[in-house]
N, C-alpha and C. Protein backbone atom coordinates (compact mmCIF):
# COMPACT_ATOMS: atom_id res chain seq x y z
N UNK A 1 4.71 22.48 54.16
CA UNK A 1 5.36 21.93 53.03
C UNK A 1 4.53 21.79 51.84
N UNK A 2 4.81 22.36 50.71
CA UNK A 2 3.90 22.33 49.48
C UNK A 2 3.76 20.89 48.98
N UNK A 3 2.53 20.64 48.57
CA UNK A 3 2.19 19.26 48.01
C UNK A 3 2.89 19.00 46.69
N UNK A 4 3.31 17.79 46.51
CA UNK A 4 4.01 17.46 45.19
C UNK A 4 3.02 17.62 44.05
N UNK A 5 3.56 18.11 42.93
CA UNK A 5 2.81 18.28 41.75
C UNK A 5 2.42 16.87 41.19
N UNK A 6 1.17 16.71 40.78
CA UNK A 6 0.85 15.42 40.17
C UNK A 6 1.64 15.32 38.80
N UNK A 7 1.97 14.12 38.46
CA UNK A 7 2.67 13.85 37.17
C UNK A 7 1.68 14.13 36.05
N UNK A 8 2.21 14.83 34.99
CA UNK A 8 1.37 15.11 33.84
C UNK A 8 1.39 13.87 32.77
N UNK A 9 2.22 12.90 33.15
CA UNK A 9 2.38 11.78 32.18
C UNK A 9 1.29 10.82 32.43
N UNK A 10 0.54 10.51 31.40
CA UNK A 10 -0.59 9.59 31.48
C UNK A 10 -0.11 8.18 31.22
N UNK A 11 -0.44 7.22 32.05
CA UNK A 11 0.07 5.89 31.85
C UNK A 11 -0.82 5.22 30.80
N UNK A 12 -0.14 4.64 29.80
CA UNK A 12 -0.87 3.99 28.70
C UNK A 12 -1.32 2.57 29.09
N UNK A 13 -2.47 2.18 28.55
CA UNK A 13 -2.82 0.79 28.63
C UNK A 13 -1.95 -0.12 27.86
N UNK A 14 -2.04 -1.41 27.98
CA UNK A 14 -1.20 -2.37 27.16
C UNK A 14 -1.61 -2.17 25.67
N UNK A 15 -2.85 -2.02 25.42
CA UNK A 15 -3.26 -1.88 24.03
C UNK A 15 -2.72 -0.52 23.40
N UNK A 16 -2.81 0.47 24.16
CA UNK A 16 -2.30 1.78 23.74
C UNK A 16 -0.81 1.74 23.51
N UNK A 17 -0.07 1.14 24.43
CA UNK A 17 1.34 1.02 24.31
C UNK A 17 1.76 0.21 23.07
N UNK A 18 0.94 -0.85 22.76
CA UNK A 18 1.21 -1.72 21.63
C UNK A 18 1.01 -0.80 20.34
N UNK A 19 -0.01 -0.01 20.21
CA UNK A 19 -0.34 0.81 19.11
C UNK A 19 0.81 1.85 18.90
N UNK A 20 1.22 2.41 20.06
CA UNK A 20 2.34 3.44 20.00
C UNK A 20 3.59 2.68 19.40
N UNK A 21 3.90 1.60 19.89
CA UNK A 21 5.07 0.96 19.41
C UNK A 21 5.03 0.58 17.91
N UNK A 22 3.84 0.18 17.42
CA UNK A 22 3.62 -0.16 16.08
C UNK A 22 3.84 1.10 15.13
N UNK A 23 3.22 2.16 15.62
CA UNK A 23 3.39 3.40 14.89
C UNK A 23 4.80 3.94 14.85
N UNK A 24 5.50 3.78 15.97
CA UNK A 24 6.91 4.23 16.04
C UNK A 24 7.74 3.33 15.10
N UNK A 25 7.54 2.09 15.16
CA UNK A 25 8.33 1.09 14.32
C UNK A 25 8.06 1.31 12.86
N UNK A 26 6.84 1.53 12.52
CA UNK A 26 6.38 1.73 11.15
C UNK A 26 7.25 2.91 10.54
N UNK A 27 7.35 3.96 11.35
CA UNK A 27 8.14 5.19 10.82
C UNK A 27 9.53 4.85 10.65
N UNK A 28 10.16 4.14 11.63
CA UNK A 28 11.58 3.75 11.52
C UNK A 28 11.90 2.76 10.44
N UNK A 29 11.03 1.73 10.28
CA UNK A 29 11.27 0.85 9.24
C UNK A 29 11.11 1.51 7.89
N UNK A 30 10.27 2.47 7.75
CA UNK A 30 10.12 3.22 6.55
C UNK A 30 11.34 4.02 6.15
N UNK A 31 11.99 4.58 7.20
CA UNK A 31 13.15 5.41 7.09
C UNK A 31 14.45 4.61 6.77
N UNK A 32 14.55 3.54 7.48
CA UNK A 32 15.85 2.76 7.46
C UNK A 32 15.78 1.36 6.92
N UNK A 33 14.58 0.79 6.80
CA UNK A 33 14.52 -0.64 6.37
C UNK A 33 14.70 -1.59 7.61
N UNK A 34 14.51 -2.79 7.31
CA UNK A 34 14.54 -3.75 8.43
C UNK A 34 15.90 -3.87 8.98
N UNK A 35 16.91 -4.10 8.19
CA UNK A 35 18.28 -4.41 8.74
C UNK A 35 18.85 -3.23 9.60
N UNK A 36 18.59 -2.02 9.17
CA UNK A 36 19.18 -0.93 9.86
C UNK A 36 18.35 -0.45 11.10
N UNK A 37 17.23 -1.04 11.32
CA UNK A 37 16.34 -0.65 12.44
C UNK A 37 16.69 -1.56 13.66
N UNK A 38 16.71 -0.92 14.80
CA UNK A 38 17.11 -1.71 16.00
C UNK A 38 15.94 -1.52 17.14
N UNK A 39 15.84 -2.53 17.89
CA UNK A 39 14.85 -2.45 19.00
C UNK A 39 15.22 -1.32 19.90
N UNK A 40 16.57 -1.02 20.10
CA UNK A 40 16.98 0.05 20.89
C UNK A 40 16.41 1.43 20.37
N UNK A 41 16.40 1.65 19.05
CA UNK A 41 15.94 2.84 18.52
C UNK A 41 14.37 3.00 18.73
N UNK A 42 13.74 1.82 18.45
CA UNK A 42 12.29 1.88 18.63
C UNK A 42 11.87 2.23 20.01
N UNK A 43 12.60 1.54 21.02
CA UNK A 43 12.39 1.80 22.44
C UNK A 43 12.60 3.26 22.78
N UNK A 44 13.72 3.78 22.24
CA UNK A 44 14.14 5.10 22.62
C UNK A 44 13.11 6.13 22.09
N UNK A 45 12.70 6.00 20.86
CA UNK A 45 11.65 6.91 20.28
C UNK A 45 10.37 6.83 20.95
N UNK A 46 9.95 5.69 21.39
CA UNK A 46 8.77 5.48 22.16
C UNK A 46 8.88 5.81 23.61
N UNK A 47 10.11 6.03 24.11
CA UNK A 47 10.33 6.44 25.45
C UNK A 47 9.94 5.26 26.41
N UNK A 48 10.36 4.07 26.04
CA UNK A 48 10.18 2.93 26.93
C UNK A 48 11.44 2.11 26.99
N UNK A 49 11.52 1.12 27.75
CA UNK A 49 12.72 0.30 27.83
C UNK A 49 12.63 -0.81 26.85
N UNK A 50 13.75 -1.43 26.42
CA UNK A 50 13.70 -2.50 25.45
C UNK A 50 12.86 -3.68 25.88
N UNK A 51 12.82 -4.08 27.14
CA UNK A 51 12.03 -5.19 27.56
C UNK A 51 10.54 -5.04 27.22
N UNK A 52 10.02 -3.74 27.25
CA UNK A 52 8.67 -3.49 26.96
C UNK A 52 8.38 -3.85 25.51
N UNK A 53 9.29 -3.59 24.59
CA UNK A 53 9.12 -4.01 23.13
C UNK A 53 9.15 -5.47 23.00
N UNK A 54 10.10 -6.09 23.70
CA UNK A 54 10.11 -7.55 23.60
C UNK A 54 8.89 -8.19 24.16
N UNK A 55 8.40 -7.62 25.23
CA UNK A 55 7.22 -8.11 25.87
C UNK A 55 6.02 -8.25 24.99
N UNK A 56 5.88 -7.16 24.10
CA UNK A 56 4.73 -7.11 23.18
C UNK A 56 4.93 -7.86 21.94
N UNK A 57 6.18 -7.88 21.43
CA UNK A 57 6.32 -8.46 20.07
C UNK A 57 7.38 -9.63 19.97
N UNK A 58 8.11 -9.84 21.04
CA UNK A 58 9.09 -10.92 21.09
C UNK A 58 10.40 -10.63 20.37
N UNK A 59 10.44 -9.57 19.71
CA UNK A 59 11.66 -9.11 18.96
C UNK A 59 11.35 -8.22 17.78
N UNK A 60 12.48 -7.97 17.05
CA UNK A 60 12.37 -7.15 15.88
C UNK A 60 11.51 -7.81 14.77
N UNK A 61 11.76 -9.02 14.60
CA UNK A 61 11.07 -9.83 13.52
C UNK A 61 9.55 -9.79 13.77
N UNK A 62 9.13 -10.01 15.02
CA UNK A 62 7.70 -10.01 15.37
C UNK A 62 7.08 -8.65 15.07
N UNK A 63 7.80 -7.71 15.49
CA UNK A 63 7.32 -6.34 15.32
C UNK A 63 7.15 -5.93 13.87
N UNK A 64 8.16 -6.33 13.07
CA UNK A 64 8.13 -6.08 11.70
C UNK A 64 6.95 -6.73 10.98
N UNK A 65 6.72 -8.10 11.37
CA UNK A 65 5.64 -8.77 10.77
C UNK A 65 4.31 -8.13 11.00
N UNK A 66 4.14 -7.60 12.23
CA UNK A 66 2.87 -6.92 12.57
C UNK A 66 2.69 -5.68 11.65
N UNK A 67 3.73 -4.88 11.58
CA UNK A 67 3.71 -3.64 10.79
C UNK A 67 3.31 -3.99 9.32
N UNK A 68 4.05 -4.95 8.78
CA UNK A 68 3.77 -5.26 7.35
C UNK A 68 2.44 -5.84 7.08
N UNK A 69 1.98 -6.72 7.97
CA UNK A 69 0.62 -7.34 7.88
C UNK A 69 -0.38 -6.26 7.84
N UNK A 70 -0.26 -5.24 8.75
CA UNK A 70 -1.25 -4.18 8.76
C UNK A 70 -1.29 -3.40 7.47
N UNK A 71 -0.09 -3.09 6.89
CA UNK A 71 -0.03 -2.38 5.64
C UNK A 71 -0.61 -3.12 4.51
N UNK A 72 -0.33 -4.42 4.44
CA UNK A 72 -0.84 -5.27 3.36
C UNK A 72 -2.39 -5.24 3.39
N UNK A 73 -2.98 -5.35 4.58
CA UNK A 73 -4.46 -5.42 4.74
C UNK A 73 -4.98 -3.96 4.36
N UNK A 74 -4.33 -2.95 4.77
CA UNK A 74 -4.84 -1.57 4.63
C UNK A 74 -4.86 -1.28 3.08
N UNK A 75 -3.76 -1.61 2.40
CA UNK A 75 -3.69 -1.32 0.96
C UNK A 75 -4.71 -2.17 0.12
N UNK A 76 -4.75 -3.42 0.46
CA UNK A 76 -5.64 -4.31 -0.24
C UNK A 76 -7.16 -3.85 -0.04
N UNK A 77 -7.47 -3.44 1.21
CA UNK A 77 -8.81 -2.97 1.48
C UNK A 77 -9.13 -1.70 0.70
N UNK A 78 -8.21 -0.83 0.62
CA UNK A 78 -8.42 0.33 -0.16
C UNK A 78 -8.70 0.01 -1.61
N UNK A 79 -7.93 -0.82 -2.18
CA UNK A 79 -8.14 -1.14 -3.66
C UNK A 79 -9.38 -1.89 -3.90
N UNK A 80 -9.67 -2.92 -3.06
CA UNK A 80 -10.91 -3.72 -3.32
C UNK A 80 -12.11 -2.83 -3.04
N UNK A 81 -12.05 -1.91 -2.09
CA UNK A 81 -13.31 -1.12 -1.87
C UNK A 81 -13.47 -0.08 -3.00
N UNK A 82 -12.39 0.25 -3.64
CA UNK A 82 -12.45 1.25 -4.80
C UNK A 82 -13.11 0.66 -6.00
N UNK A 83 -12.99 -0.66 -6.17
CA UNK A 83 -13.44 -1.32 -7.43
C UNK A 83 -14.98 -1.46 -7.40
N UNK A 84 -15.66 -0.44 -7.67
CA UNK A 84 -17.14 -0.39 -7.65
C UNK A 84 -17.80 -0.23 -9.05
N UNK A 85 -17.14 0.37 -9.95
CA UNK A 85 -17.78 0.51 -11.29
C UNK A 85 -17.86 -0.76 -12.06
N UNK A 86 -18.79 -0.74 -13.03
CA UNK A 86 -18.96 -1.96 -13.88
C UNK A 86 -18.09 -1.94 -15.16
N UNK A 87 -17.77 -0.76 -15.60
CA UNK A 87 -17.03 -0.63 -16.79
C UNK A 87 -15.53 -0.85 -16.61
N UNK A 88 -14.87 -1.72 -17.34
CA UNK A 88 -13.51 -2.10 -17.14
C UNK A 88 -12.56 -0.81 -17.09
N UNK A 89 -12.83 0.17 -17.88
CA UNK A 89 -11.97 1.36 -17.87
C UNK A 89 -12.06 2.03 -16.55
N UNK A 90 -13.30 2.21 -16.06
CA UNK A 90 -13.49 2.90 -14.76
C UNK A 90 -12.77 2.05 -13.63
N UNK A 91 -12.91 0.74 -13.67
CA UNK A 91 -12.29 -0.05 -12.70
C UNK A 91 -10.81 0.12 -12.66
N UNK A 92 -10.18 0.23 -13.91
CA UNK A 92 -8.76 0.49 -13.95
C UNK A 92 -8.44 1.84 -13.33
N UNK A 93 -9.19 2.86 -13.65
CA UNK A 93 -8.99 4.18 -13.04
C UNK A 93 -9.12 4.11 -11.56
N UNK A 94 -10.10 3.43 -10.99
CA UNK A 94 -10.29 3.32 -9.57
C UNK A 94 -9.13 2.61 -8.91
N UNK A 95 -8.58 1.59 -9.47
CA UNK A 95 -7.53 0.80 -8.92
C UNK A 95 -6.23 1.72 -8.88
N UNK A 96 -6.04 2.40 -10.03
CA UNK A 96 -4.84 3.18 -10.03
C UNK A 96 -4.85 4.43 -9.06
N UNK A 97 -6.06 5.04 -8.95
CA UNK A 97 -6.25 6.17 -8.02
C UNK A 97 -6.20 5.65 -6.52
N UNK A 98 -6.72 4.45 -6.31
CA UNK A 98 -6.57 3.88 -4.90
C UNK A 98 -5.17 3.67 -4.54
N UNK A 99 -4.36 3.14 -5.38
CA UNK A 99 -2.90 2.97 -5.05
C UNK A 99 -2.23 4.30 -4.90
N UNK A 100 -2.40 5.18 -5.77
CA UNK A 100 -1.76 6.48 -5.72
C UNK A 100 -2.10 7.30 -4.43
N UNK A 101 -3.45 7.14 -4.08
CA UNK A 101 -3.96 7.82 -2.89
C UNK A 101 -3.27 7.18 -1.67
N UNK A 102 -3.14 5.92 -1.66
CA UNK A 102 -2.46 5.26 -0.52
C UNK A 102 -0.96 5.82 -0.41
N UNK A 103 -0.31 5.88 -1.54
CA UNK A 103 1.05 6.33 -1.55
C UNK A 103 1.11 7.81 -0.96
N UNK A 104 0.09 8.54 -1.39
CA UNK A 104 0.10 10.00 -1.01
C UNK A 104 -0.17 10.17 0.49
N UNK A 105 -1.18 9.38 0.98
CA UNK A 105 -1.60 9.51 2.39
C UNK A 105 -0.95 8.67 3.36
N UNK A 106 -0.38 7.56 2.98
CA UNK A 106 0.26 6.61 3.88
C UNK A 106 1.70 6.24 3.31
N UNK A 107 2.46 7.38 3.13
CA UNK A 107 3.76 7.23 2.57
C UNK A 107 4.70 6.29 3.32
N UNK A 108 4.69 6.42 4.68
CA UNK A 108 5.59 5.56 5.47
C UNK A 108 5.21 4.13 5.34
N UNK A 109 3.88 3.80 5.31
CA UNK A 109 3.42 2.44 5.10
C UNK A 109 3.80 1.83 3.85
N UNK A 110 3.73 2.66 2.72
CA UNK A 110 4.09 2.14 1.43
C UNK A 110 5.64 1.88 1.30
N UNK A 111 6.44 2.76 2.01
CA UNK A 111 7.82 2.61 1.98
C UNK A 111 8.16 1.28 2.68
N UNK A 112 7.47 0.98 3.72
CA UNK A 112 7.75 -0.28 4.43
C UNK A 112 7.45 -1.45 3.51
N UNK A 113 6.32 -1.37 2.78
CA UNK A 113 5.92 -2.52 1.92
C UNK A 113 6.90 -2.75 0.80
N UNK A 114 7.43 -1.69 0.19
CA UNK A 114 8.26 -1.92 -1.01
C UNK A 114 9.73 -2.18 -0.72
N UNK A 115 10.09 -2.03 0.62
CA UNK A 115 11.44 -2.42 0.88
C UNK A 115 11.50 -3.91 1.04
N UNK A 116 12.61 -4.47 0.54
CA UNK A 116 12.76 -5.97 0.62
C UNK A 116 13.29 -6.34 1.99
N UNK A 117 12.73 -7.49 2.47
CA UNK A 117 13.26 -8.08 3.69
C UNK A 117 13.50 -9.61 3.55
N UNK A 118 14.63 -10.06 4.01
CA UNK A 118 14.81 -11.51 3.91
C UNK A 118 13.95 -12.39 4.72
N UNK A 119 13.20 -11.76 5.70
CA UNK A 119 12.36 -12.46 6.57
C UNK A 119 11.04 -12.97 5.96
N UNK A 120 10.51 -12.19 5.06
CA UNK A 120 9.16 -12.45 4.52
C UNK A 120 9.17 -13.05 3.19
N UNK A 121 8.28 -14.00 3.08
CA UNK A 121 8.14 -14.67 1.76
C UNK A 121 7.22 -13.88 0.97
N UNK A 122 6.81 -14.34 -0.28
CA UNK A 122 5.96 -13.69 -1.15
C UNK A 122 4.44 -13.56 -0.58
N UNK A 123 4.26 -14.23 0.61
CA UNK A 123 2.89 -14.14 1.13
C UNK A 123 2.75 -12.95 2.12
N UNK A 124 3.78 -12.22 2.27
CA UNK A 124 3.80 -11.19 3.32
C UNK A 124 4.46 -9.89 2.93
N UNK A 125 4.25 -9.39 1.81
CA UNK A 125 4.90 -8.16 1.30
C UNK A 125 4.08 -7.48 0.29
N UNK A 126 4.63 -6.51 -0.40
CA UNK A 126 3.90 -5.80 -1.50
C UNK A 126 3.56 -6.72 -2.65
N UNK A 127 4.40 -7.74 -2.84
CA UNK A 127 4.09 -8.66 -4.00
C UNK A 127 2.75 -9.41 -3.68
N UNK A 128 2.56 -9.72 -2.41
CA UNK A 128 1.28 -10.45 -2.07
C UNK A 128 0.04 -9.58 -2.33
N UNK A 129 0.22 -8.34 -2.07
CA UNK A 129 -0.93 -7.40 -2.36
C UNK A 129 -1.23 -7.28 -3.84
N UNK A 130 -0.14 -7.24 -4.64
CA UNK A 130 -0.35 -7.14 -6.09
C UNK A 130 -0.90 -8.33 -6.59
N UNK A 131 -0.55 -9.59 -6.08
CA UNK A 131 -1.10 -10.73 -6.59
C UNK A 131 -2.52 -10.88 -6.22
N UNK A 132 -2.97 -10.44 -5.05
CA UNK A 132 -4.37 -10.47 -4.63
C UNK A 132 -5.19 -9.57 -5.60
N UNK A 133 -4.70 -8.34 -5.84
CA UNK A 133 -5.39 -7.47 -6.71
C UNK A 133 -5.44 -8.02 -8.13
N UNK A 134 -4.37 -8.55 -8.61
CA UNK A 134 -4.31 -9.21 -9.97
C UNK A 134 -5.34 -10.26 -10.09
N UNK A 135 -5.54 -11.01 -9.04
CA UNK A 135 -6.57 -12.15 -9.10
C UNK A 135 -7.98 -11.53 -9.26
N UNK A 136 -8.21 -10.44 -8.60
CA UNK A 136 -9.50 -9.78 -8.71
C UNK A 136 -9.70 -9.27 -10.10
N UNK A 137 -8.67 -8.61 -10.62
CA UNK A 137 -8.70 -8.03 -11.91
C UNK A 137 -8.94 -9.11 -12.94
N UNK A 138 -8.30 -10.29 -12.68
CA UNK A 138 -8.42 -11.44 -13.63
C UNK A 138 -9.80 -11.90 -13.74
N UNK A 139 -10.58 -11.91 -12.71
CA UNK A 139 -11.97 -12.34 -12.82
C UNK A 139 -12.79 -11.25 -13.66
N UNK A 140 -12.51 -10.06 -13.45
CA UNK A 140 -13.19 -8.96 -14.18
C UNK A 140 -12.85 -9.18 -15.74
N UNK A 141 -11.50 -9.26 -16.02
CA UNK A 141 -11.06 -9.41 -17.35
C UNK A 141 -11.58 -10.66 -18.01
N UNK A 142 -11.64 -11.77 -17.26
CA UNK A 142 -12.04 -13.04 -17.77
C UNK A 142 -13.52 -12.91 -18.30
N UNK A 143 -14.43 -12.27 -17.57
CA UNK A 143 -15.77 -12.07 -18.02
C UNK A 143 -15.89 -11.18 -19.22
N UNK A 144 -15.06 -10.16 -19.16
CA UNK A 144 -15.00 -9.19 -20.36
C UNK A 144 -14.47 -9.87 -21.52
N UNK A 145 -13.45 -10.65 -21.45
CA UNK A 145 -12.83 -11.32 -22.66
C UNK A 145 -13.89 -12.30 -23.23
N UNK A 146 -14.51 -13.03 -22.33
CA UNK A 146 -15.57 -14.02 -22.74
C UNK A 146 -16.68 -13.39 -23.49
N UNK A 147 -17.14 -12.22 -23.07
CA UNK A 147 -18.22 -11.57 -23.73
C UNK A 147 -17.86 -10.91 -25.10
N UNK A 148 -16.50 -10.67 -25.30
CA UNK A 148 -16.01 -10.22 -26.54
C UNK A 148 -15.45 -11.29 -27.45
N UNK A 149 -15.45 -12.58 -27.01
CA UNK A 149 -15.04 -13.61 -27.86
C UNK A 149 -13.53 -13.86 -27.83
N UNK A 150 -12.90 -13.15 -26.80
CA UNK A 150 -11.45 -13.41 -26.64
C UNK A 150 -11.22 -14.63 -25.70
N UNK A 151 -10.00 -15.18 -25.74
CA UNK A 151 -9.66 -16.32 -24.97
C UNK A 151 -9.59 -15.92 -23.47
N UNK A 152 -10.53 -16.42 -22.61
CA UNK A 152 -10.45 -15.97 -21.21
C UNK A 152 -9.21 -16.47 -20.38
N UNK A 153 -8.56 -17.51 -20.98
CA UNK A 153 -7.32 -17.94 -20.30
C UNK A 153 -6.28 -16.89 -20.29
N UNK A 154 -6.33 -15.85 -21.19
CA UNK A 154 -5.33 -14.88 -21.26
C UNK A 154 -5.61 -13.76 -20.21
N UNK A 155 -6.74 -13.87 -19.49
CA UNK A 155 -7.02 -12.82 -18.46
C UNK A 155 -5.95 -12.78 -17.47
N UNK A 156 -5.37 -13.91 -17.06
CA UNK A 156 -4.36 -13.85 -16.00
C UNK A 156 -3.11 -13.11 -16.44
N UNK A 157 -2.69 -13.35 -17.68
CA UNK A 157 -1.59 -12.64 -18.23
C UNK A 157 -1.78 -11.10 -18.23
N UNK A 158 -3.00 -10.65 -18.69
CA UNK A 158 -3.28 -9.27 -18.83
C UNK A 158 -3.47 -8.61 -17.49
N UNK A 159 -4.05 -9.35 -16.53
CA UNK A 159 -4.28 -8.82 -15.22
C UNK A 159 -2.88 -8.52 -14.51
N UNK A 160 -1.97 -9.47 -14.76
CA UNK A 160 -0.57 -9.28 -14.16
C UNK A 160 0.08 -8.07 -14.77
N UNK A 161 -0.08 -7.91 -16.09
CA UNK A 161 0.58 -6.85 -16.85
C UNK A 161 -0.04 -5.47 -16.41
N UNK A 162 -1.34 -5.45 -16.19
CA UNK A 162 -1.95 -4.14 -15.86
C UNK A 162 -1.56 -3.66 -14.44
N UNK A 163 -1.73 -4.73 -13.48
CA UNK A 163 -1.40 -4.36 -12.09
C UNK A 163 0.08 -4.10 -11.95
N UNK A 164 0.94 -4.82 -12.65
CA UNK A 164 2.38 -4.52 -12.60
C UNK A 164 2.73 -3.16 -13.07
N UNK A 165 2.05 -2.73 -14.13
CA UNK A 165 2.30 -1.43 -14.71
C UNK A 165 1.96 -0.31 -13.74
N UNK A 166 0.84 -0.47 -13.10
CA UNK A 166 0.35 0.57 -12.18
C UNK A 166 1.18 0.55 -10.88
N UNK A 167 1.64 -0.60 -10.44
CA UNK A 167 2.44 -0.74 -9.20
C UNK A 167 3.87 -0.11 -9.45
N UNK A 168 4.48 -0.36 -10.55
CA UNK A 168 5.77 0.07 -10.81
C UNK A 168 5.77 1.68 -10.98
N UNK A 169 4.71 2.13 -11.59
CA UNK A 169 4.58 3.61 -11.78
C UNK A 169 4.39 4.20 -10.33
N UNK A 170 3.62 3.52 -9.51
CA UNK A 170 3.40 4.01 -8.14
C UNK A 170 4.69 4.13 -7.40
N UNK A 171 5.60 3.14 -7.56
CA UNK A 171 6.92 3.23 -6.84
C UNK A 171 7.70 4.40 -7.35
N UNK A 172 7.63 4.68 -8.58
CA UNK A 172 8.33 5.85 -9.27
C UNK A 172 7.72 7.11 -8.69
N UNK A 173 6.35 7.17 -8.67
CA UNK A 173 5.73 8.43 -8.21
C UNK A 173 5.92 8.66 -6.67
N UNK A 174 6.20 7.61 -5.92
CA UNK A 174 6.49 7.75 -4.51
C UNK A 174 7.64 8.76 -4.32
N UNK A 175 8.59 8.82 -5.15
CA UNK A 175 9.80 9.73 -4.96
C UNK A 175 9.55 11.07 -5.68
N UNK A 176 8.93 11.08 -6.87
CA UNK A 176 8.85 12.36 -7.64
C UNK A 176 7.66 13.16 -7.32
N UNK A 177 6.50 12.49 -7.06
CA UNK A 177 5.31 13.20 -6.70
C UNK A 177 4.78 14.25 -7.72
N UNK A 178 5.09 14.02 -8.97
CA UNK A 178 4.53 14.90 -9.94
C UNK A 178 4.47 14.12 -11.29
N UNK A 179 3.49 14.31 -12.17
CA UNK A 179 2.44 15.28 -11.91
C UNK A 179 1.45 14.73 -10.82
N UNK A 180 0.33 15.46 -10.63
CA UNK A 180 -0.59 15.08 -9.52
C UNK A 180 -1.18 13.72 -9.85
N UNK A 181 -1.71 13.06 -8.84
CA UNK A 181 -2.03 11.63 -9.04
C UNK A 181 -3.15 11.44 -10.02
N UNK A 182 -4.09 12.34 -10.16
CA UNK A 182 -5.19 12.22 -11.13
C UNK A 182 -4.64 12.15 -12.54
N UNK A 183 -3.55 12.97 -12.75
CA UNK A 183 -2.99 13.04 -14.08
C UNK A 183 -2.14 11.73 -14.39
N UNK A 184 -1.52 11.27 -13.29
CA UNK A 184 -0.71 9.99 -13.46
C UNK A 184 -1.72 8.83 -13.84
N UNK A 185 -2.85 8.81 -13.04
CA UNK A 185 -3.89 7.75 -13.31
C UNK A 185 -4.41 7.79 -14.69
N UNK A 186 -4.67 9.03 -15.11
CA UNK A 186 -5.21 9.28 -16.53
C UNK A 186 -4.30 8.74 -17.58
N UNK A 187 -2.93 8.97 -17.39
CA UNK A 187 -2.01 8.50 -18.42
C UNK A 187 -1.87 7.01 -18.32
N UNK A 188 -1.91 6.48 -17.18
CA UNK A 188 -1.83 5.00 -16.94
C UNK A 188 -2.98 4.30 -17.70
N UNK A 189 -4.17 4.87 -17.51
CA UNK A 189 -5.34 4.27 -18.21
C UNK A 189 -5.28 4.54 -19.71
N UNK A 190 -4.74 5.66 -20.05
CA UNK A 190 -4.56 5.99 -21.54
C UNK A 190 -3.77 4.95 -22.23
N UNK A 191 -2.62 4.58 -21.59
CA UNK A 191 -1.75 3.57 -22.18
C UNK A 191 -2.39 2.13 -22.22
N UNK A 192 -3.03 1.88 -21.04
CA UNK A 192 -3.67 0.47 -20.89
C UNK A 192 -4.85 0.32 -21.73
N UNK A 193 -5.68 1.35 -21.84
CA UNK A 193 -6.88 1.22 -22.50
C UNK A 193 -6.80 1.48 -24.08
N UNK A 194 -6.02 2.53 -24.42
CA UNK A 194 -5.91 2.81 -25.81
C UNK A 194 -4.69 2.22 -26.53
N UNK A 195 -3.67 1.89 -25.80
CA UNK A 195 -2.53 1.36 -26.41
C UNK A 195 -1.61 2.44 -27.05
N UNK A 196 -0.36 2.14 -27.33
CA UNK A 196 0.56 3.09 -27.83
C UNK A 196 0.09 3.75 -29.13
N UNK A 197 -0.56 2.90 -30.00
CA UNK A 197 -0.95 3.40 -31.28
C UNK A 197 -2.16 4.37 -31.30
N UNK A 198 -2.85 4.38 -30.16
CA UNK A 198 -4.01 5.22 -30.06
C UNK A 198 -4.03 6.04 -28.82
N UNK A 199 -2.95 6.54 -28.46
CA UNK A 199 -2.89 7.40 -27.21
C UNK A 199 -3.61 8.64 -27.41
N UNK A 200 -4.31 9.14 -26.37
CA UNK A 200 -4.96 10.45 -26.44
C UNK A 200 -3.94 11.51 -26.02
N UNK A 201 -3.95 12.65 -26.68
CA UNK A 201 -2.98 13.67 -26.30
C UNK A 201 -3.14 14.24 -24.97
N UNK A 202 -4.35 14.35 -24.50
CA UNK A 202 -4.78 14.93 -23.15
C UNK A 202 -5.80 14.02 -22.53
N UNK A 203 -5.35 12.85 -21.97
CA UNK A 203 -6.33 11.96 -21.42
C UNK A 203 -6.88 12.57 -20.11
N UNK A 204 -8.03 12.12 -19.81
CA UNK A 204 -8.75 12.39 -18.55
C UNK A 204 -9.37 11.16 -17.99
N UNK A 205 -9.91 11.34 -16.79
CA UNK A 205 -10.58 10.21 -16.12
C UNK A 205 -12.10 10.25 -16.33
N UNK A 206 -12.65 9.14 -16.59
CA UNK A 206 -14.13 9.06 -16.75
C UNK A 206 -14.86 9.60 -15.54
N UNK A 207 -14.40 9.16 -14.35
CA UNK A 207 -15.05 9.43 -13.15
C UNK A 207 -14.98 10.91 -12.86
N UNK A 208 -13.90 11.63 -13.28
CA UNK A 208 -13.77 13.04 -13.01
C UNK A 208 -14.63 13.77 -14.01
N UNK A 209 -14.68 13.36 -15.27
CA UNK A 209 -15.53 14.00 -16.31
C UNK A 209 -16.96 13.95 -15.97
N UNK A 210 -17.35 12.85 -15.26
CA UNK A 210 -18.74 12.73 -14.95
C UNK A 210 -19.27 13.54 -13.75
N UNK A 211 -18.35 14.17 -13.14
CA UNK A 211 -18.71 15.01 -11.87
C UNK A 211 -19.29 16.37 -12.31
């Protein structure tokens, strides 16, 4: 009697299964949003039973919270890591490129972040990322304003305006994907740095010019 063929299916560890479920849910939440996503679909795509999902996350709310928290930290890490230059214009370029690169490379994650959910407060969504970035920009602008004799108290207003402009443009670019991200970043900086009355006809990025 021929020996039974060994199963080709490799059993996942608990940690591996958790990561698989997070990745699966991330994609579905990006496609459908929180309300239209079900534990049944997550389980079906991951090829597990519903109790396995409940065992790891306690339910849809717990799974969603983990996915969002990861994306918040990933995007914030990207932006803060990118802020390396000392010149304010270069810092603005770096922040804009970091956000656009995240949208380009982690599209599903960004879609999860910008979708509204009744479950999460302002401390657990895209708004929280923007607020964190704005606070960092505020410190940079505050020092710059002080050195130029401007009122440093206005740094908060300007930081919110700059970060908001880049973020809204990023949400628009998520769908259209043109022009390329370097061009989008250059025009954002052109508006923010030069103002409408002194726009450059063909703006470029300082960091690109220096290469």
